[in-house]
N, C-alpha and C. Protein backbone atom coordinates (compact mmCIF):
# COMPACT_ATOMS: atom_id res chain seq x y z
N MET A 1 102.51 112.15 65.29
CA MET A 1 102.17 110.98 66.06
C MET A 1 102.24 111.33 67.55
N ASN A 2 101.16 111.10 68.22
CA ASN A 2 101.07 111.47 69.64
C ASN A 2 101.34 110.22 70.50
N ILE A 3 102.46 110.22 71.18
CA ILE A 3 102.80 109.09 72.05
C ILE A 3 102.63 109.55 73.50
N LYS A 4 101.79 108.82 74.21
CA LYS A 4 101.57 109.15 75.61
C LYS A 4 102.52 108.33 76.47
N ARG A 5 103.21 109.01 77.34
CA ARG A 5 104.06 108.32 78.30
C ARG A 5 103.25 107.99 79.53
N ARG A 6 103.31 106.75 79.91
CA ARG A 6 102.59 106.32 81.10
C ARG A 6 103.56 106.32 82.27
N THR A 7 103.23 107.05 83.27
CA THR A 7 104.04 107.04 84.47
C THR A 7 103.37 106.13 85.49
N LYS A 8 104.18 105.32 86.13
CA LYS A 8 103.65 104.40 87.13
C LYS A 8 103.78 105.01 88.51
N PHE A 9 102.75 104.80 89.28
CA PHE A 9 102.74 105.31 90.64
C PHE A 9 102.65 104.15 91.61
N LYS A 10 103.12 104.38 92.83
CA LYS A 10 102.97 103.41 93.90
C LYS A 10 102.47 104.15 95.13
N THR A 11 101.88 103.39 96.03
CA THR A 11 101.33 103.95 97.25
C THR A 11 102.14 103.43 98.42
N CYS A 12 102.50 104.30 99.32
CA CYS A 12 103.24 103.90 100.51
C CYS A 12 102.31 103.07 101.41
N PRO A 13 102.74 101.88 101.83
CA PRO A 13 101.87 101.05 102.66
C PRO A 13 101.68 101.59 104.08
N ARG A 14 102.56 102.48 104.51
CA ARG A 14 102.42 103.02 105.86
C ARG A 14 101.51 104.24 105.91
N CYS A 15 101.78 105.25 105.07
CA CYS A 15 101.03 106.50 105.17
C CYS A 15 99.99 106.67 104.06
N GLY A 16 100.08 105.88 102.98
CA GLY A 16 99.09 105.94 101.91
C GLY A 16 99.35 107.01 100.86
N MET A 17 100.50 107.66 100.91
CA MET A 17 100.81 108.71 99.94
C MET A 17 101.18 108.11 98.59
N LYS A 18 100.67 108.71 97.51
CA LYS A 18 101.02 108.26 96.16
C LYS A 18 102.25 109.01 95.68
N MET A 19 103.14 108.26 95.01
CA MET A 19 104.36 108.86 94.48
C MET A 19 104.81 108.08 93.26
N LEU A 20 105.79 108.62 92.55
CA LEU A 20 106.32 107.93 91.38
C LEU A 20 106.95 106.61 91.78
N ASP A 21 106.91 105.67 90.86
CA ASP A 21 107.43 104.33 91.12
C ASP A 21 108.95 104.32 91.31
N SER A 22 109.63 105.30 90.77
CA SER A 22 111.10 105.34 90.83
C SER A 22 111.64 105.94 92.13
N VAL A 23 110.78 106.48 92.97
CA VAL A 23 111.22 107.11 94.22
C VAL A 23 111.62 106.02 95.22
N PRO A 24 112.85 106.08 95.81
CA PRO A 24 113.30 105.01 96.71
C PRO A 24 112.72 105.10 98.13
N THR A 25 112.35 106.30 98.57
CA THR A 25 111.80 106.46 99.92
C THR A 25 110.53 107.30 99.87
N CYS A 26 109.68 107.08 100.84
CA CYS A 26 108.45 107.86 100.94
C CYS A 26 108.80 109.26 101.42
N GLU A 27 108.27 110.25 100.73
CA GLU A 27 108.55 111.63 101.09
C GLU A 27 107.82 112.06 102.35
N GLU A 28 106.73 111.39 102.65
CA GLU A 28 105.91 111.75 103.82
C GLU A 28 106.42 111.12 105.12
N CYS A 29 106.59 109.79 105.11
CA CYS A 29 106.95 109.10 106.36
C CYS A 29 108.39 108.60 106.39
N GLY A 30 109.10 108.63 105.27
CA GLY A 30 110.51 108.23 105.26
C GLY A 30 110.75 106.74 105.11
N LEU A 31 109.74 105.97 104.78
CA LEU A 31 109.90 104.52 104.61
C LEU A 31 110.78 104.22 103.40
N VAL A 32 111.79 103.41 103.59
CA VAL A 32 112.65 102.97 102.49
C VAL A 32 111.98 101.74 101.88
N PHE A 33 111.58 101.85 100.61
CA PHE A 33 110.80 100.78 99.99
C PHE A 33 111.59 99.49 99.82
N GLU A 34 112.90 99.57 99.79
CA GLU A 34 113.73 98.37 99.67
C GLU A 34 113.58 97.48 100.91
N ARG A 35 113.24 98.08 102.04
CA ARG A 35 113.04 97.30 103.28
C ARG A 35 111.85 96.35 103.18
N LEU A 36 110.89 96.67 102.33
CA LEU A 36 109.72 95.80 102.17
C LEU A 36 110.11 94.43 101.63
N ASN A 37 111.21 94.35 100.89
CA ASN A 37 111.66 93.07 100.34
C ASN A 37 112.21 92.15 101.42
N PHE A 38 112.65 92.72 102.55
CA PHE A 38 113.22 91.93 103.63
C PHE A 38 112.24 91.70 104.78
N ALA A 39 111.10 92.34 104.74
CA ALA A 39 110.11 92.20 105.80
C ALA A 39 109.39 90.86 105.68
N THR A 40 109.06 90.27 106.84
CA THR A 40 108.39 88.98 106.84
C THR A 40 107.13 89.02 107.68
N ASN A 41 106.25 88.11 107.37
CA ASN A 41 105.02 87.96 108.14
C ASN A 41 105.29 87.26 109.46
N LYS A 42 106.30 86.40 109.49
CA LYS A 42 106.64 85.68 110.73
C LYS A 42 107.05 86.66 111.83
N ASP A 43 107.86 87.66 111.48
CA ASP A 43 108.24 88.68 112.45
C ASP A 43 107.02 89.49 112.90
N ALA A 44 106.13 89.77 111.96
CA ALA A 44 104.92 90.53 112.30
C ALA A 44 104.05 89.75 113.29
N LYS A 45 103.91 88.44 113.08
CA LYS A 45 103.11 87.63 114.01
C LYS A 45 103.71 87.67 115.41
N ARG A 46 105.04 87.58 115.48
CA ARG A 46 105.71 87.62 116.78
C ARG A 46 105.47 88.96 117.48
N LYS A 47 105.57 90.03 116.72
CA LYS A 47 105.37 91.36 117.31
C LYS A 47 103.92 91.60 117.70
N ILE A 48 102.99 91.06 116.93
CA ILE A 48 101.58 91.21 117.27
C ILE A 48 101.27 90.46 118.56
N LYS A 49 101.82 89.26 118.73
CA LYS A 49 101.59 88.50 119.96
C LYS A 49 102.17 89.21 121.18
N ARG A 50 103.29 89.92 121.01
CA ARG A 50 103.90 90.65 122.12
C ARG A 50 103.23 91.99 122.37
N GLY A 51 102.39 92.43 121.43
CA GLY A 51 101.73 93.72 121.57
C GLY A 51 102.53 94.87 121.03
N ASP A 52 103.62 94.60 120.32
CA ASP A 52 104.48 95.62 119.74
C ASP A 52 104.04 95.88 118.31
N ARG A 53 103.14 96.82 118.13
CA ARG A 53 102.56 97.09 116.81
C ARG A 53 103.14 98.32 116.14
N GLU A 54 104.22 98.84 116.68
CA GLU A 54 104.77 100.09 116.17
C GLU A 54 105.29 99.96 114.73
N TYR A 55 105.91 98.83 114.41
CA TYR A 55 106.51 98.66 113.10
C TYR A 55 105.74 97.68 112.21
N ILE A 56 104.47 97.50 112.50
CA ILE A 56 103.64 96.62 111.69
C ILE A 56 103.00 97.44 110.58
N ILE A 57 103.15 96.94 109.36
CA ILE A 57 102.54 97.56 108.19
C ILE A 57 101.71 96.50 107.49
N ARG A 58 100.53 96.86 107.03
CA ARG A 58 99.70 95.94 106.26
C ARG A 58 99.88 96.28 104.78
N THR A 59 100.32 95.28 104.02
CA THR A 59 100.62 95.49 102.61
C THR A 59 99.92 94.45 101.76
N ARG A 60 99.69 94.81 100.51
CA ARG A 60 99.05 93.88 99.57
C ARG A 60 100.07 92.96 98.91
N LYS A 61 101.32 93.34 98.94
CA LYS A 61 102.37 92.51 98.37
C LYS A 61 102.70 91.41 99.38
N LEU A 62 102.51 90.17 98.99
CA LEU A 62 102.73 89.06 99.91
C LEU A 62 104.21 88.89 100.19
N PRO A 63 104.58 88.77 101.47
CA PRO A 63 105.98 88.53 101.80
C PRO A 63 106.39 87.11 101.40
N SER A 64 107.67 86.83 101.49
CA SER A 64 108.19 85.55 101.02
C SER A 64 107.69 84.36 101.84
N ASP A 65 107.31 84.57 103.08
CA ASP A 65 106.88 83.45 103.91
C ASP A 65 105.37 83.21 103.89
N VAL A 66 104.62 83.95 103.07
CA VAL A 66 103.18 83.72 102.89
C VAL A 66 102.97 83.28 101.44
N LYS A 67 102.48 82.08 101.27
CA LYS A 67 102.26 81.53 99.93
C LYS A 67 100.85 81.85 99.46
N TYR A 68 100.71 82.32 98.22
CA TYR A 68 99.42 82.70 97.66
C TYR A 68 98.47 81.51 97.58
N TRP A 69 98.94 80.38 97.11
CA TRP A 69 98.06 79.22 96.93
C TRP A 69 97.55 78.71 98.27
N LYS A 70 98.39 78.79 99.31
CA LYS A 70 97.96 78.35 100.63
C LYS A 70 96.91 79.32 101.20
N LEU A 71 97.14 80.61 101.00
CA LEU A 71 96.18 81.62 101.45
C LEU A 71 94.85 81.45 100.72
N LEU A 72 94.90 81.17 99.42
CA LEU A 72 93.68 80.97 98.64
C LEU A 72 92.90 79.75 99.11
N LEU A 73 93.58 78.64 99.33
CA LEU A 73 92.90 77.43 99.82
C LEU A 73 92.32 77.64 101.21
N LEU A 74 93.05 78.34 102.07
CA LEU A 74 92.56 78.59 103.42
C LEU A 74 91.33 79.50 103.42
N VAL A 75 91.33 80.52 102.57
CA VAL A 75 90.19 81.42 102.56
C VAL A 75 88.95 80.74 101.97
N ILE A 76 89.15 79.81 101.04
CA ILE A 76 88.00 79.11 100.46
C ILE A 76 87.44 78.07 101.42
N PHE A 77 88.32 77.24 101.99
CA PHE A 77 87.84 76.11 102.78
C PHE A 77 87.70 76.38 104.28
N THR A 78 88.52 77.25 104.84
CA THR A 78 88.40 77.54 106.28
C THR A 78 88.13 79.02 106.52
N GLY A 79 87.73 79.73 105.48
CA GLY A 79 87.50 81.16 105.60
C GLY A 79 86.37 81.52 106.54
N LEU A 80 85.31 80.72 106.55
CA LEU A 80 84.20 81.01 107.46
C LEU A 80 84.60 80.86 108.91
N MET A 81 85.63 80.06 109.18
CA MET A 81 86.11 79.87 110.55
C MET A 81 87.27 80.81 110.87
N GLY A 82 87.72 81.58 109.90
CA GLY A 82 88.80 82.54 110.13
C GLY A 82 90.19 81.97 109.93
N GLY A 83 90.32 80.83 109.29
CA GLY A 83 91.62 80.18 109.13
C GLY A 83 92.64 81.03 108.38
N HIS A 84 92.20 81.74 107.37
CA HIS A 84 93.13 82.57 106.60
C HIS A 84 93.64 83.75 107.43
N ASN A 85 92.82 84.25 108.33
CA ASN A 85 93.26 85.35 109.18
C ASN A 85 94.29 84.89 110.21
N TYR A 86 94.10 83.70 110.75
CA TYR A 86 95.10 83.15 111.68
C TYR A 86 96.42 82.87 110.95
N TYR A 87 96.33 82.45 109.69
CA TYR A 87 97.53 82.13 108.90
C TYR A 87 98.43 83.36 108.72
N VAL A 88 97.82 84.53 108.49
CA VAL A 88 98.62 85.74 108.25
C VAL A 88 98.84 86.58 109.50
N GLY A 89 98.28 86.17 110.63
CA GLY A 89 98.53 86.89 111.87
C GLY A 89 97.51 87.95 112.22
N ARG A 90 96.35 87.91 111.61
CA ARG A 90 95.28 88.85 111.95
C ARG A 90 94.36 88.14 112.96
N TYR A 91 94.86 88.05 114.18
CA TYR A 91 94.24 87.20 115.20
C TYR A 91 92.88 87.71 115.67
N LEU A 92 92.71 88.99 115.83
CA LEU A 92 91.43 89.53 116.29
C LEU A 92 90.35 89.27 115.26
N ARG A 93 90.65 89.52 114.02
CA ARG A 93 89.68 89.27 112.95
C ARG A 93 89.37 87.78 112.85
N GLY A 94 90.39 86.94 113.02
CA GLY A 94 90.18 85.49 113.01
C GLY A 94 89.29 85.05 114.16
N ALA A 95 89.48 85.64 115.33
CA ALA A 95 88.64 85.30 116.49
C ALA A 95 87.19 85.72 116.25
N ILE A 96 86.98 86.86 115.64
CA ILE A 96 85.61 87.31 115.34
C ILE A 96 84.95 86.34 114.37
N PHE A 97 85.68 85.92 113.33
CA PHE A 97 85.14 84.94 112.39
C PHE A 97 84.82 83.63 113.10
N SER A 98 85.70 83.18 113.99
CA SER A 98 85.48 81.92 114.70
C SER A 98 84.25 81.99 115.60
N ILE A 99 84.09 83.10 116.31
CA ILE A 99 82.93 83.26 117.19
C ILE A 99 81.64 83.31 116.38
N LEU A 100 81.64 84.07 115.28
CA LEU A 100 80.44 84.14 114.45
C LEU A 100 80.11 82.80 113.81
N PHE A 101 81.14 82.04 113.42
CA PHE A 101 80.90 80.72 112.85
C PHE A 101 80.30 79.78 113.90
N THR A 102 80.79 79.85 115.13
CA THR A 102 80.25 79.02 116.21
C THR A 102 78.80 79.38 116.49
N ILE A 103 78.49 80.66 116.53
CA ILE A 103 77.10 81.09 116.75
C ILE A 103 76.21 80.61 115.62
N THR A 104 76.71 80.68 114.39
CA THR A 104 75.93 80.22 113.23
C THR A 104 75.65 78.72 113.33
N ILE A 105 76.64 77.94 113.70
CA ILE A 105 76.45 76.49 113.84
C ILE A 105 75.45 76.18 114.96
N VAL A 106 75.56 76.88 116.07
CA VAL A 106 74.62 76.67 117.18
C VAL A 106 73.20 77.02 116.74
N CYS A 107 73.04 78.10 116.00
CA CYS A 107 71.71 78.48 115.51
C CYS A 107 71.17 77.44 114.54
N CYS A 108 72.02 76.86 113.71
CA CYS A 108 71.56 75.82 112.78
C CYS A 108 71.15 74.56 113.53
N VAL A 109 71.91 74.19 114.56
CA VAL A 109 71.58 72.99 115.32
C VAL A 109 70.28 73.18 116.10
N LEU A 110 70.12 74.35 116.66
CA LEU A 110 68.93 74.64 117.47
C LEU A 110 67.82 75.30 116.66
N ASN A 111 67.85 75.16 115.36
CA ASN A 111 66.91 75.84 114.48
C ASN A 111 65.47 75.49 114.80
N SER A 112 65.15 74.23 114.95
CA SER A 112 63.75 73.85 115.19
C SER A 112 63.26 74.40 116.52
N TYR A 113 64.10 74.41 117.54
CA TYR A 113 63.70 74.94 118.84
C TYR A 113 63.49 76.45 118.76
N ILE A 114 64.40 77.15 118.09
CA ILE A 114 64.28 78.60 117.98
C ILE A 114 63.04 78.99 117.19
N VAL A 115 62.78 78.29 116.08
CA VAL A 115 61.62 78.61 115.24
C VAL A 115 60.33 78.34 115.99
N SER A 116 60.25 77.24 116.74
CA SER A 116 59.00 76.92 117.43
C SER A 116 58.74 77.82 118.63
N HIS A 117 59.77 78.26 119.33
CA HIS A 117 59.57 79.06 120.54
C HIS A 117 59.75 80.56 120.33
N PHE A 118 60.65 80.94 119.44
CA PHE A 118 60.95 82.36 119.20
C PHE A 118 60.98 82.64 117.69
N PRO A 119 59.83 82.62 117.02
CA PRO A 119 59.85 82.79 115.54
C PRO A 119 60.37 84.15 115.10
N GLN A 120 60.14 85.18 115.89
CA GLN A 120 60.62 86.51 115.49
C GLN A 120 62.13 86.62 115.60
N TRP A 121 62.77 85.82 116.44
CA TRP A 121 64.21 85.87 116.62
C TRP A 121 64.95 85.30 115.41
N MET A 122 64.37 84.33 114.73
CA MET A 122 65.04 83.68 113.60
C MET A 122 65.33 84.67 112.48
N GLU A 123 64.36 85.53 112.21
CA GLU A 123 64.57 86.55 111.18
C GLU A 123 65.66 87.53 111.61
N LEU A 124 65.65 87.88 112.90
CA LEU A 124 66.65 88.80 113.41
C LEU A 124 68.05 88.20 113.36
N ILE A 125 68.18 86.93 113.74
CA ILE A 125 69.47 86.26 113.70
C ILE A 125 69.99 86.16 112.27
N GLY A 126 69.12 85.80 111.36
CA GLY A 126 69.53 85.68 109.96
C GLY A 126 69.94 87.01 109.36
N ALA A 127 69.18 88.05 109.69
CA ALA A 127 69.44 89.37 109.10
C ALA A 127 70.69 90.02 109.69
N LEU A 128 70.86 89.92 110.99
CA LEU A 128 71.96 90.63 111.64
C LEU A 128 73.26 89.85 111.72
N LEU A 129 73.19 88.54 111.69
CA LEU A 129 74.39 87.75 111.94
C LEU A 129 74.87 87.02 110.69
N ILE A 130 74.05 86.18 110.15
CA ILE A 130 74.49 85.28 109.09
C ILE A 130 74.72 86.03 107.78
N GLY A 131 73.89 87.01 107.45
CA GLY A 131 74.05 87.76 106.20
C GLY A 131 75.36 88.50 106.11
N PRO A 132 75.66 89.40 107.04
CA PRO A 132 76.95 90.12 106.97
C PRO A 132 78.16 89.21 107.13
N PHE A 133 78.02 88.15 107.91
CA PHE A 133 79.11 87.19 108.11
C PHE A 133 79.48 86.52 106.78
N GLY A 134 78.48 86.06 106.05
CA GLY A 134 78.73 85.44 104.74
C GLY A 134 79.29 86.43 103.74
N LEU A 135 78.81 87.67 103.79
CA LEU A 135 79.33 88.69 102.88
C LEU A 135 80.79 89.02 103.17
N CYS A 136 81.16 89.04 104.45
CA CYS A 136 82.58 89.28 104.81
C CYS A 136 83.46 88.16 104.26
N TRP A 137 82.99 86.93 104.34
CA TRP A 137 83.76 85.81 103.81
C TRP A 137 83.91 85.93 102.29
N LEU A 138 82.81 86.24 101.58
CA LEU A 138 82.89 86.41 100.13
C LEU A 138 83.80 87.58 99.76
N PHE A 139 83.78 88.61 100.56
CA PHE A 139 84.65 89.76 100.33
C PHE A 139 86.12 89.36 100.47
N ASP A 140 86.44 88.57 101.49
CA ASP A 140 87.82 88.10 101.68
C ASP A 140 88.25 87.19 100.54
N VAL A 141 87.36 86.31 100.07
CA VAL A 141 87.69 85.45 98.93
C VAL A 141 88.00 86.31 97.71
N THR A 142 87.19 87.33 97.48
CA THR A 142 87.40 88.22 96.34
C THR A 142 88.74 88.97 96.47
N LEU A 143 89.04 89.45 97.67
CA LEU A 143 90.30 90.17 97.87
C LEU A 143 91.51 89.27 97.61
N VAL A 144 91.45 88.03 98.06
CA VAL A 144 92.57 87.11 97.83
C VAL A 144 92.69 86.79 96.35
N LEU A 145 91.58 86.55 95.67
CA LEU A 145 91.63 86.25 94.24
C LEU A 145 92.18 87.43 93.44
N MET A 146 91.86 88.65 93.85
CA MET A 146 92.33 89.84 93.15
C MET A 146 93.71 90.28 93.64
N ARG A 147 94.28 89.54 94.61
CA ARG A 147 95.58 89.84 95.20
C ARG A 147 95.61 91.22 95.86
N LYS A 148 94.53 91.53 96.56
CA LYS A 148 94.42 92.80 97.28
C LYS A 148 94.23 92.58 98.77
N PHE A 149 94.40 91.36 99.25
CA PHE A 149 94.26 91.04 100.67
C PHE A 149 95.47 91.58 101.42
N ARG A 150 95.24 92.32 102.47
CA ARG A 150 96.33 92.96 103.22
C ARG A 150 96.92 92.01 104.25
N VAL A 151 98.23 91.88 104.21
CA VAL A 151 98.97 90.99 105.10
C VAL A 151 99.89 91.84 105.97
N PRO A 152 99.90 91.62 107.29
CA PRO A 152 100.82 92.38 108.14
C PRO A 152 102.26 91.91 107.97
N ILE A 153 103.17 92.88 107.89
CA ILE A 153 104.60 92.60 107.86
C ILE A 153 105.27 93.49 108.88
N ALA A 154 106.45 93.09 109.34
CA ALA A 154 107.18 93.86 110.34
C ALA A 154 108.41 94.48 109.71
N ILE A 155 108.59 95.76 109.96
CA ILE A 155 109.75 96.49 109.47
C ILE A 155 110.41 97.16 110.67
N ASP A 156 111.70 96.90 110.84
CA ASP A 156 112.47 97.56 111.89
C ASP A 156 113.13 98.78 111.28
N LEU A 157 112.63 99.95 111.64
CA LEU A 157 113.18 101.18 111.07
C LEU A 157 114.55 101.52 111.62
N GLU A 158 114.85 101.07 112.81
CA GLU A 158 116.12 101.42 113.44
C GLU A 158 117.17 100.35 113.26
N LYS A 159 116.92 99.38 112.46
CA LYS A 159 117.86 98.28 112.28
C LYS A 159 119.07 98.78 111.49
N GLN A 160 120.26 98.65 112.05
CA GLN A 160 121.46 99.17 111.42
C GLN A 160 122.03 98.23 110.37
N ASP A 161 121.80 96.94 110.52
CA ASP A 161 122.40 95.99 109.58
C ASP A 161 121.70 95.98 108.22
N PHE A 162 120.58 96.67 108.08
CA PHE A 162 119.89 96.75 106.79
C PHE A 162 120.77 97.42 105.75
N ASP A 163 121.42 98.50 106.14
CA ASP A 163 122.27 99.23 105.19
C ASP A 163 123.43 98.35 104.71
N GLU A 164 123.94 97.50 105.58
CA GLU A 164 125.02 96.59 105.19
C GLU A 164 124.54 95.54 104.19
N VAL A 165 123.30 95.07 104.36
CA VAL A 165 122.74 94.09 103.43
C VAL A 165 122.56 94.71 102.06
N ILE A 166 122.12 95.96 102.01
CA ILE A 166 121.94 96.66 100.74
C ILE A 166 123.29 96.86 100.04
N LYS A 167 124.32 97.21 100.81
CA LYS A 167 125.64 97.44 100.22
C LYS A 167 126.24 96.17 99.64
N GLU A 168 125.90 95.01 100.26
CA GLU A 168 126.42 93.72 99.76
C GLU A 168 125.83 93.38 98.41
N LYS A 169 124.63 93.82 98.15
CA LYS A 169 123.99 93.54 96.85
C LYS A 169 124.67 94.36 95.81
């Protein structure tokens, strides 16, 4: 009887190296995986606003302060405006979505004027702007549904009290 043992692997969210699931730290960058359980999105948002991106990691595992159902509703209903990106602290991406949504609304409102005066521009606007914009939104919806949407979290590598928290457990 041939029994295959399945070994589980995990990927380090910082450097992308694959390793066994039982390894406590990344062999490449030294990240202690237990720290991911204490990392929050709220700290990451604060650090992103200050411009301190040194300890920001984007991970697929949602931190405790980001709710899946809220992220799913935001990406479905306000995703075209970038609401889900603002919720998780991806402000630049959210701003790009907001600007593209505003341009799309302006083009829809001024559609009759654009078509009557600049008919060749309408095809260009639709092909270059609205098509990829809608595809990006559908892609984000798919990523959230598959639980593969990356959320920034903050990890303080030099924090000394982390070791004390681990010892208390």
